[in-house]
Amino acid sequence: MVLTSLKLTIERILQDEEQILKRVEKEPDISTRQLAAEVGVSLIVVHHTLKGQSLHPYHVQKVQALEFVDCPCPVIYCIGSQG
């Protein structure tokens, strides 16, 4: 009886993970909260599933414009390392 319920639990976990990964593949910019709500699992389960696949949630940060000082300058680095 215990083995049967354990087997069902493991099957459910695998199904949830599969749903999460398919959903992320279909829509990579979905929020983790929305994903958890759609699949019916906790936010922690979503994070653990993504982390297990070396995927990391992120937020796109909009900027008005990149400035010269925003980018490291490889020429200055090379000159500085010579001497």
PDB file of N, CA and C in Angstrom:
ATOM      1  N   MET A   1       0.831  -1.195   0.000  1.00  0.00           N
ATOM      2  CA  MET A   1       0.000   0.000   0.000  1.00  0.00           C
ATOM      3  C   MET A   1       0.875   1.258   0.000  1.00  0.00           C
ATOM      4  N   VAL A   2       1.901   1.275   0.846  1.00  0.00           N
ATOM      5  CA  VAL A   2       2.795   2.429   0.915  1.00  0.00           C
ATOM      6  C   VAL A   2       3.571   2.572  -0.388  1.00  0.00           C
ATOM      7  N   LEU A   3       4.015   1.452  -0.946  1.00  0.00           N
ATOM      8  CA  LEU A   3       4.753   1.502  -2.208  1.00  0.00           C
ATOM      9  C   LEU A   3       3.889   2.032  -3.342  1.00  0.00           C
ATOM     10  N   THR A   4       2.625   1.700  -3.334  1.00  0.00           N
ATOM     11  CA  THR A   4       1.707   2.186  -4.363  1.00  0.00           C
ATOM     12  C   THR A   4       1.556   3.700  -4.284  1.00  0.00           C
ATOM     13  N   SER A   5       1.384   4.228  -3.085  1.00  0.00           N
ATOM     14  CA  SER A   5       1.237   5.682  -2.944  1.00  0.00           C
ATOM     15  C   SER A   5       2.548   6.393  -3.259  1.00  0.00           C
ATOM     16  N   LEU A   6       3.677   5.764  -2.918  1.00  0.00           N
ATOM     17  CA  LEU A   6       4.975   6.349  -3.248  1.00  0.00           C
ATOM     18  C   LEU A   6       5.164   6.386  -4.764  1.00  0.00           C
ATOM     19  N   LYS A   7       4.773   5.306  -5.423  1.00  0.00           N
ATOM     20  CA  LYS A   7       4.880   5.239  -6.875  1.00  0.00           C
ATOM     21  C   LYS A   7       4.010   6.310  -7.529  1.00  0.00           C
ATOM     22  N   LEU A   8       2.813   6.493  -7.022  1.00  0.00           N
ATOM     23  CA  LEU A   8       1.920   7.529  -7.559  1.00  0.00           C
ATOM     24  C   LEU A   8       2.496   8.920  -7.345  1.00  0.00           C
ATOM     25  N   THR A   9       3.113   9.136  -6.186  1.00  0.00           N
ATOM     26  CA  THR A   9       3.725  10.433  -5.889  1.00  0.00           C
ATOM     27  C   THR A   9       4.873  10.712  -6.852  1.00  0.00           C
ATOM     28  N   ILE A  10       5.715   9.722  -7.070  1.00  0.00           N
ATOM     29  CA  ILE A  10       6.843   9.893  -7.989  1.00  0.00           C
ATOM     30  C   ILE A  10       6.341  10.154  -9.407  1.00  0.00           C
ATOM     31  N   GLU A  11       5.323   9.430  -9.827  1.00  0.00           N
ATOM     32  CA  GLU A  11       4.750   9.654 -11.158  1.00  0.00           C
ATOM     33  C   GLU A  11       4.199  11.064 -11.287  1.00  0.00           C
ATOM     34  N   ARG A  12       3.556  11.543 -10.241  1.00  0.00           N
ATOM     35  CA  ARG A  12       2.997  12.905 -10.253  1.00  0.00           C
ATOM     36  C   ARG A  12       4.109  13.943 -10.356  1.00  0.00           C
ATOM     37  N   ILE A  13       5.180  13.742  -9.603  1.00  0.00           N
ATOM     38  CA  ILE A  13       6.315  14.674  -9.647  1.00  0.00           C
ATOM     39  C   ILE A  13       6.905  14.711 -11.054  1.00  0.00           C
ATOM     40  N   LEU A  14       7.092  13.553 -11.647  1.00  0.00           N
ATOM     41  CA  LEU A  14       7.654  13.491 -12.998  1.00  0.00           C
ATOM     42  C   LEU A  14       6.728  14.153 -14.018  1.00  0.00           C
ATOM     43  N   GLN A  15       5.434  13.964 -13.870  1.00  0.00           N
ATOM     44  CA  GLN A  15       4.471  14.609 -14.769  1.00  0.00           C
ATOM     45  C   GLN A  15       4.518  16.126 -14.610  1.00  0.00           C
ATOM     46  N   ASP A  16       4.590  16.593 -13.360  1.00  0.00           N
ATOM     47  CA  ASP A  16       4.664  18.033 -13.110  1.00  0.00           C
ATOM     48  C   ASP A  16       5.929  18.625 -13.722  1.00  0.00           C
ATOM     49  N   GLU A  17       7.062  17.938 -13.525  1.00  0.00           N
ATOM     50  CA  GLU A  17       8.319  18.428 -14.088  1.00  0.00           C
ATOM     51  C   GLU A  17       8.248  18.482 -15.611  1.00  0.00           C
ATOM     52  N   GLU A  18       7.658  17.470 -16.204  1.00  0.00           N
ATOM     53  CA  GLU A  18       7.518  17.439 -17.658  1.00  0.00           C
ATOM     54  C   GLU A  18       6.642  18.593 -18.145  1.00  0.00           C
ATOM     55  N   GLN A  19       5.549  18.854 -17.444  1.00  0.00           N
ATOM     56  CA  GLN A  19       4.669  19.978 -17.811  1.00  0.00           C
ATOM     57  C   GLN A  19       5.412  21.301 -17.699  1.00  0.00           C
ATOM     58  N   ILE A  20       6.170  21.465 -16.629  1.00  0.00           N
ATOM     59  CA  ILE A  20       6.921  22.708 -16.413  1.00  0.00           C
ATOM     60  C   ILE A  20       7.903  22.925 -17.551  1.00  0.00           C
ATOM     61  N   LEU A  21       8.679  21.902 -17.877  1.00  0.00           N
ATOM     62  CA  LEU A  21       9.703  22.045 -18.909  1.00  0.00           C
ATOM     63  C   LEU A  21       9.098  22.259 -20.296  1.00  0.00           C
ATOM     64  N   LYS A  22       8.004  21.594 -20.589  1.00  0.00           N
ATOM     65  CA  LYS A  22       7.337  21.806 -21.884  1.00  0.00           C
ATOM     66  C   LYS A  22       6.806  23.229 -21.990  1.00  0.00           C
ATOM     67  N   ARG A  23       6.250  23.723 -20.903  1.00  0.00           N
ATOM     68  CA  ARG A  23       5.678  25.078 -20.893  1.00  0.00           C
ATOM     69  C   ARG A  23       6.771  26.128 -21.066  1.00  0.00           C
ATOM     70  N   VAL A  24       7.911  25.906 -20.409  1.00  0.00           N
ATOM     71  CA  VAL A  24       9.028  26.850 -20.528  1.00  0.00           C
ATOM     72  C   VAL A  24       9.600  26.809 -21.943  1.00  0.00           C
ATOM     73  N   GLU A  25       9.649  25.620 -22.522  1.00  0.00           N
ATOM     74  CA  GLU A  25      10.137  25.506 -23.899  1.00  0.00           C
ATOM     75  C   GLU A  25       9.208  26.242 -24.863  1.00  0.00           C
ATOM     76  N   LYS A  26       7.912  26.145 -24.611  1.00  0.00           N
ATOM     77  CA  LYS A  26       6.922  26.794 -25.474  1.00  0.00           C
ATOM     78  C   LYS A  26       6.933  28.311 -25.292  1.00  0.00           C
ATOM     79  N   GLU A  27       7.079  28.754 -24.063  1.00  0.00           N
ATOM     80  CA  GLU A  27       7.060  30.191 -23.761  1.00  0.00           C
ATOM     81  C   GLU A  27       8.167  30.513 -22.751  1.00  0.00           C
ATOM     82  N   PRO A  28       9.394  30.756 -23.235  1.00  0.00           N
ATOM     83  CA  PRO A  28      10.539  30.947 -22.343  1.00  0.00           C
ATOM     84  C   PRO A  28      10.431  32.155 -21.410  1.00  0.00           C
ATOM     85  N   ASP A  29       9.623  33.141 -21.762  1.00  0.00           N
ATOM     86  CA  ASP A  29       9.543  34.335 -20.927  1.00  0.00           C
ATOM     87  C   ASP A  29       8.378  34.301 -19.936  1.00  0.00           C
ATOM     88  N   ILE A  30       7.814  33.122 -19.688  1.00  0.00           N
ATOM     89  CA  ILE A  30       6.717  32.999 -18.726  1.00  0.00           C
ATOM     90  C   ILE A  30       7.255  33.212 -17.308  1.00  0.00           C
ATOM     91  N   SER A  31       6.467  33.839 -16.463  1.00  0.00           N
ATOM     92  CA  SER A  31       6.905  34.056 -15.085  1.00  0.00           C
ATOM     93  C   SER A  31       6.784  32.760 -14.293  1.00  0.00           C
ATOM     94  N   THR A  32       7.639  32.617 -13.301  1.00  0.00           N
ATOM     95  CA  THR A  32       7.615  31.400 -12.488  1.00  0.00           C
ATOM     96  C   THR A  32       6.319  31.308 -11.694  1.00  0.00           C
ATOM     97  N   ARG A  33       5.780  32.431 -11.284  1.00  0.00           N
ATOM     98  CA  ARG A  33       4.506  32.412 -10.550  1.00  0.00           C
ATOM     99  C   ARG A  33       3.358  31.948 -11.439  1.00  0.00           C
ATOM    100  N   GLN A  34       3.322  32.454 -12.646  1.00  0.00           N
ATOM    101  CA  GLN A  34       2.273  32.040 -13.583  1.00  0.00           C
ATOM    102  C   GLN A  34       2.420  30.554 -13.910  1.00  0.00           C
ATOM    103  N   LEU A  35       3.644  30.117 -14.083  1.00  0.00           N
ATOM    104  CA  LEU A  35       3.915  28.712 -14.380  1.00  0.00           C
ATOM    105  C   LEU A  35       3.453  27.807 -13.241  1.00  0.00           C
ATOM    106  N   ALA A  36       3.760  28.197 -12.007  1.00  0.00           N
ATOM    107  CA  ALA A  36       3.341  27.415 -10.843  1.00  0.00           C
ATOM    108  C   ALA A  36       1.819  27.328 -10.772  1.00  0.00           C
ATOM    109  N   ALA A  37       1.149  28.440 -11.038  1.00  0.00           N
ATOM    110  CA  ALA A  37      -0.315  28.455 -10.986  1.00  0.00           C
ATOM    111  C   ALA A  37      -0.923  27.571 -12.075  1.00  0.00           C
ATOM    112  N   GLU A  38      -0.367  27.626 -13.276  1.00  0.00           N
ATOM    113  CA  GLU A  38      -0.901  26.837 -14.384  1.00  0.00           C
ATOM    114  C   GLU A  38      -0.710  25.338 -14.172  1.00  0.00           C
ATOM    115  N   VAL A  39       0.456  24.958 -13.656  1.00  0.00           N
ATOM    116  CA  VAL A  39       0.747  23.536 -13.458  1.00  0.00           C
ATOM    117  C   VAL A  39       0.094  23.023 -12.176  1.00  0.00           C
ATOM    118  N   GLY A  40      -0.108  23.920 -11.221  1.00  0.00           N
ATOM    119  CA  GLY A  40      -0.729  23.527  -9.959  1.00  0.00           C
ATOM    120  C   GLY A  40       0.265  23.040  -8.930  1.00  0.00           C
ATOM    121  N   VAL A  41       1.464  23.627  -8.958  1.00  0.00           N
ATOM    122  CA  VAL A  41       2.506  23.275  -7.993  1.00  0.00           C
ATOM    123  C   VAL A  41       2.992  24.543  -7.308  1.00  0.00           C
ATOM    124  N   SER A  42       3.834  24.367  -6.303  1.00  0.00           N
ATOM    125  CA  SER A  42       4.362  25.533  -5.598  1.00  0.00           C
ATOM    126  C   SER A  42       5.480  26.187  -6.411  1.00  0.00           C
ATOM    127  N   LEU A  43       5.775  27.408  -6.060  1.00  0.00           N
ATOM    128  CA  LEU A  43       6.849  28.153  -6.709  1.00  0.00           C
ATOM    129  C   LEU A  43       8.192  27.460  -6.492  1.00  0.00           C
ATOM    130  N   ILE A  44       8.363  26.855  -5.337  1.00  0.00           N
ATOM    131  CA  ILE A  44       9.608  26.146  -5.019  1.00  0.00           C
ATOM    132  C   ILE A  44       9.808  24.965  -5.968  1.00  0.00           C
ATOM    133  N   VAL A  45       8.740  24.244  -6.278  1.00  0.00           N
ATOM    134  CA  VAL A  45       8.832  23.111  -7.210  1.00  0.00           C
ATOM    135  C   VAL A  45       9.278  23.603  -8.584  1.00  0.00           C
ATOM    136  N   VAL A  46       8.746  24.716  -9.021  1.00  0.00           N
ATOM    137  CA  VAL A  46       9.140  25.284 -10.314  1.00  0.00           C
ATOM    138  C   VAL A  46      10.621  25.641 -10.293  1.00  0.00           C
ATOM    139  N   HIS A  47      11.074  26.319  -9.236  1.00  0.00           N
ATOM    140  CA  HIS A  47      12.480  26.709  -9.138  1.00  0.00           C
ATOM    141  C   HIS A  47      13.399  25.491  -9.105  1.00  0.00           C
ATOM    142  N   HIS A  48      13.043  24.472  -8.349  1.00  0.00           N
ATOM    143  CA  HIS A  48      13.865  23.260  -8.266  1.00  0.00           C
ATOM    144  C   HIS A  48      13.924  22.545  -9.616  1.00  0.00           C
ATOM    145  N   THR A  49      12.807  22.507 -10.312  1.00  0.00           N
ATOM    146  CA  THR A  49      12.770  21.863 -11.630  1.00  0.00           C
ATOM    147  C   THR A  49      13.660  22.608 -12.616  1.00  0.00           C
ATOM    148  N   LEU A  50      13.563  23.925 -12.637  1.00  0.00           N
ATOM    149  CA  LEU A  50      14.388  24.716 -13.546  1.00  0.00           C
ATOM    150  C   LEU A  50      15.864  24.590 -13.194  1.00  0.00           C
ATOM    151  N   LYS A  51      16.167  24.656 -11.912  1.00  0.00           N
ATOM    152  CA  LYS A  51      17.554  24.545 -11.465  1.00  0.00           C
ATOM    153  C   LYS A  51      18.129  23.177 -11.820  1.00  0.00           C
ATOM    154  N   GLY A  52      17.312  22.131 -11.709  1.00  0.00           N
ATOM    155  CA  GLY A  52      17.753  20.787 -12.060  1.00  0.00           C
ATOM    156  C   GLY A  52      18.127  20.642 -13.524  1.00  0.00           C
ATOM    157  N   GLN A  53      17.601  21.518 -14.363  1.00  0.00           N
ATOM    158  CA  GLN A  53      17.905  21.512 -15.796  1.00  0.00           C
ATOM    159  C   GLN A  53      18.887  22.625 -16.168  1.00  0.00           C
ATOM    160  N   SER A  54      19.509  23.240 -15.171  1.00  0.00           N
ATOM    161  CA  SER A  54      20.449  24.356 -15.356  1.00  0.00           C
ATOM    162  C   SER A  54      19.794  25.545 -16.050  1.00  0.00           C
ATOM    163  N   LEU A  55      18.522  25.753 -15.762  1.00  0.00           N
ATOM    164  CA  LEU A  55      17.795  26.919 -16.262  1.00  0.00           C
ATOM    165  C   LEU A  55      17.596  27.877 -15.097  1.00  0.00           C
ATOM    166  N   HIS A  56      17.682  29.160 -15.382  1.00  0.00           N
ATOM    167  CA  HIS A  56      17.566  30.154 -14.323  1.00  0.00           C
ATOM    168  C   HIS A  56      16.561  31.223 -14.723  1.00  0.00           C
ATOM    169  N   PRO A  57      15.573  31.476 -13.866  1.00  0.00           N
ATOM    170  CA  PRO A  57      14.621  32.542 -14.177  1.00  0.00           C
ATOM    171  C   PRO A  57      15.318  33.899 -14.158  1.00  0.00           C
ATOM    172  N   TYR A  58      14.865  34.788 -14.991  1.00  0.00           N
ATOM    173  CA  TYR A  58      15.462  36.116 -15.061  1.00  0.00           C
ATOM    174  C   TYR A  58      14.390  37.133 -15.405  1.00  0.00           C
ATOM    175  N   HIS A  59      14.727  38.383 -15.180  1.00  0.00           N
ATOM    176  CA  HIS A  59      13.857  39.486 -15.564  1.00  0.00           C
ATOM    177  C   HIS A  59      14.615  40.332 -16.575  1.00  0.00           C
ATOM    178  N   VAL A  60      13.975  40.646 -17.666  1.00  0.00           N
ATOM    179  CA  VAL A  60      14.580  41.533 -18.648  1.00  0.00           C
ATOM    180  C   VAL A  60      14.525  42.943 -18.091  1.00  0.00           C
ATOM    181  N   GLN A  61      15.662  43.605 -18.112  1.00  0.00           N
ATOM    182  CA  GLN A  61      15.723  44.965 -17.602  1.00  0.00           C
ATOM    183  C   GLN A  61      15.873  45.910 -18.789  1.00  0.00           C
ATOM    184  N   LYS A  62      14.919  46.790 -18.934  1.00  0.00           N
ATOM    185  CA  LYS A  62      14.953  47.734 -20.042  1.00  0.00           C
ATOM    186  C   LYS A  62      15.777  48.953 -19.646  1.00  0.00           C
ATOM    187  N   VAL A  63      16.598  49.404 -20.569  1.00  0.00           N
ATOM    188  CA  VAL A  63      17.365  50.628 -20.373  1.00  0.00           C
ATOM    189  C   VAL A  63      17.084  51.539 -21.558  1.00  0.00           C
ATOM    190  N   GLN A  64      17.253  52.830 -21.346  1.00  0.00           N
ATOM    191  CA  GLN A  64      16.958  53.754 -22.437  1.00  0.00           C
ATOM    192  C   GLN A  64      18.037  53.712 -23.512  1.00  0.00           C
ATOM    193  N   ALA A  65      19.286  53.624 -23.094  1.00  0.00           N
ATOM    194  CA  ALA A  65      20.374  53.565 -24.062  1.00  0.00           C
ATOM    195  C   ALA A  65      21.640  53.094 -23.364  1.00  0.00           C
ATOM    196  N   LEU A  66      22.470  52.394 -24.097  1.00  0.00           N
ATOM    197  CA  LEU A  66      23.767  52.009 -23.559  1.00  0.00           C
ATOM    198  C   LEU A  66      24.749  53.137 -23.829  1.00  0.00           C
ATOM    199  N   GLU A  67      25.539  53.423 -22.855  1.00  0.00           N
ATOM    200  CA  GLU A  67      26.558  54.454 -22.985  1.00  0.00           C
ATOM    201  C   GLU A  67      27.921  53.784 -23.127  1.00  0.00           C
ATOM    202  N   PHE A  68      28.905  54.539 -23.553  1.00  0.00           N
ATOM    203  CA  PHE A  68      30.258  54.020 -23.704  1.00  0.00           C
ATOM    204  C   PHE A  68      30.778  53.454 -22.386  1.00  0.00           C
ATOM    205  N   VAL A  69      30.462  54.111 -21.285  1.00  0.00           N
ATOM    206  CA  VAL A  69      30.973  53.668 -19.977  1.00  0.00           C
ATOM    207  C   VAL A  69      30.308  52.377 -19.504  1.00  0.00           C
ATOM    208  N   ASP A  70      29.217  51.956 -20.140  1.00  0.00           N
ATOM    209  CA  ASP A  70      28.541  50.723 -19.755  1.00  0.00           C
ATOM    210  C   ASP A  70      29.289  49.479 -20.227  1.00  0.00           C
ATOM    211  N   CYS A  71      30.114  49.632 -21.248  1.00  0.00           N
ATOM    212  CA  CYS A  71      30.817  48.486 -21.824  1.00  0.00           C
ATOM    213  C   CYS A  71      32.296  48.538 -21.455  1.00  0.00           C
ATOM    214  N   PRO A  72      32.842  47.421 -20.989  1.00  0.00           N
ATOM    215  CA  PRO A  72      34.281  47.420 -20.706  1.00  0.00           C
ATOM    216  C   PRO A  72      35.049  47.571 -22.013  1.00  0.00           C
ATOM    217  N   CYS A  73      36.063  48.324 -21.957  1.00  0.00           N
ATOM    218  CA  CYS A  73      36.840  48.603 -23.161  1.00  0.00           C
ATOM    219  C   CYS A  73      38.039  47.651 -23.220  1.00  0.00           C
ATOM    220  N   PRO A  74      38.071  46.696 -24.148  1.00  0.00           N
ATOM    221  CA  PRO A  74      39.170  45.735 -24.209  1.00  0.00           C
ATOM    222  C   PRO A  74      40.506  46.368 -24.571  1.00  0.00           C
ATOM    223  N   VAL A  75      40.482  47.477 -25.311  1.00  0.00           N
ATOM    224  CA  VAL A  75      41.731  48.133 -25.690  1.00  0.00           C
ATOM    225  C   VAL A  75      42.429  48.679 -24.457  1.00  0.00           C
ATOM    226  N   ILE A  76      41.694  49.348 -23.588  1.00  0.00           N
ATOM    227  CA  ILE A  76      42.286  49.892 -22.358  1.00  0.00           C
ATOM    228  C   ILE A  76      42.793  48.749 -21.488  1.00  0.00           C
ATOM    229  N   TYR A  77      42.063  47.648 -21.412  1.00  0.00           N
ATOM    230  CA  TYR A  77      42.492  46.499 -20.613  1.00  0.00           C
ATOM    231  C   TYR A  77      43.800  45.938 -21.162  1.00  0.00           C
ATOM    232  N   CYS A  78      43.908  45.797 -22.480  1.00  0.00           N
ATOM    233  CA  CYS A  78      45.123  45.244 -23.086  1.00  0.00           C
ATOM    234  C   CYS A  78      46.315  46.161 -22.867  1.00  0.00           C
ATOM    235  N   ILE A  79      46.118  47.454 -23.024  1.00  0.00           N
ATOM    236  CA  ILE A  79      47.201  48.411 -22.813  1.00  0.00           C
ATOM    237  C   ILE A  79      47.639  48.382 -21.355  1.00  0.00           C
ATOM    238  N   GLY A  80      46.681  48.329 -20.445  1.00  0.00           N
ATOM    239  CA  GLY A  80      47.003  48.315 -19.022  1.00  0.00           C
ATOM    240  C   GLY A  80      47.732  47.056 -18.601  1.00  0.00           C
ATOM    241  N   SER A  81      47.476  45.940 -19.238  1.00  0.00           N
ATOM    242  CA  SER A  81      48.111  44.688 -18.835  1.00  0.00           C
ATOM    243  C   SER A  81      49.520  44.550 -19.393  1.00  0.00           C
ATOM    244  N   GLN A  82      49.895  45.396 -20.358  1.00  0.00           N
ATOM    245  CA  GLN A  82      51.232  45.312 -20.941  1.00  0.00           C
ATOM    246  C   GLN A  82      52.284  45.959 -20.051  1.00  0.00           C
ATOM    247  N   GLY A  83      51.855  46.853 -19.261  1.00  0.00           N
ATOM    248  CA  GLY A  83      52.922  47.342 -18.492  1.00  0.00           C
ATOM    249  C   GLY A  83      52.896  48.524 -17.726  1.00  0.00           C
TER     250      GLY A  83
END
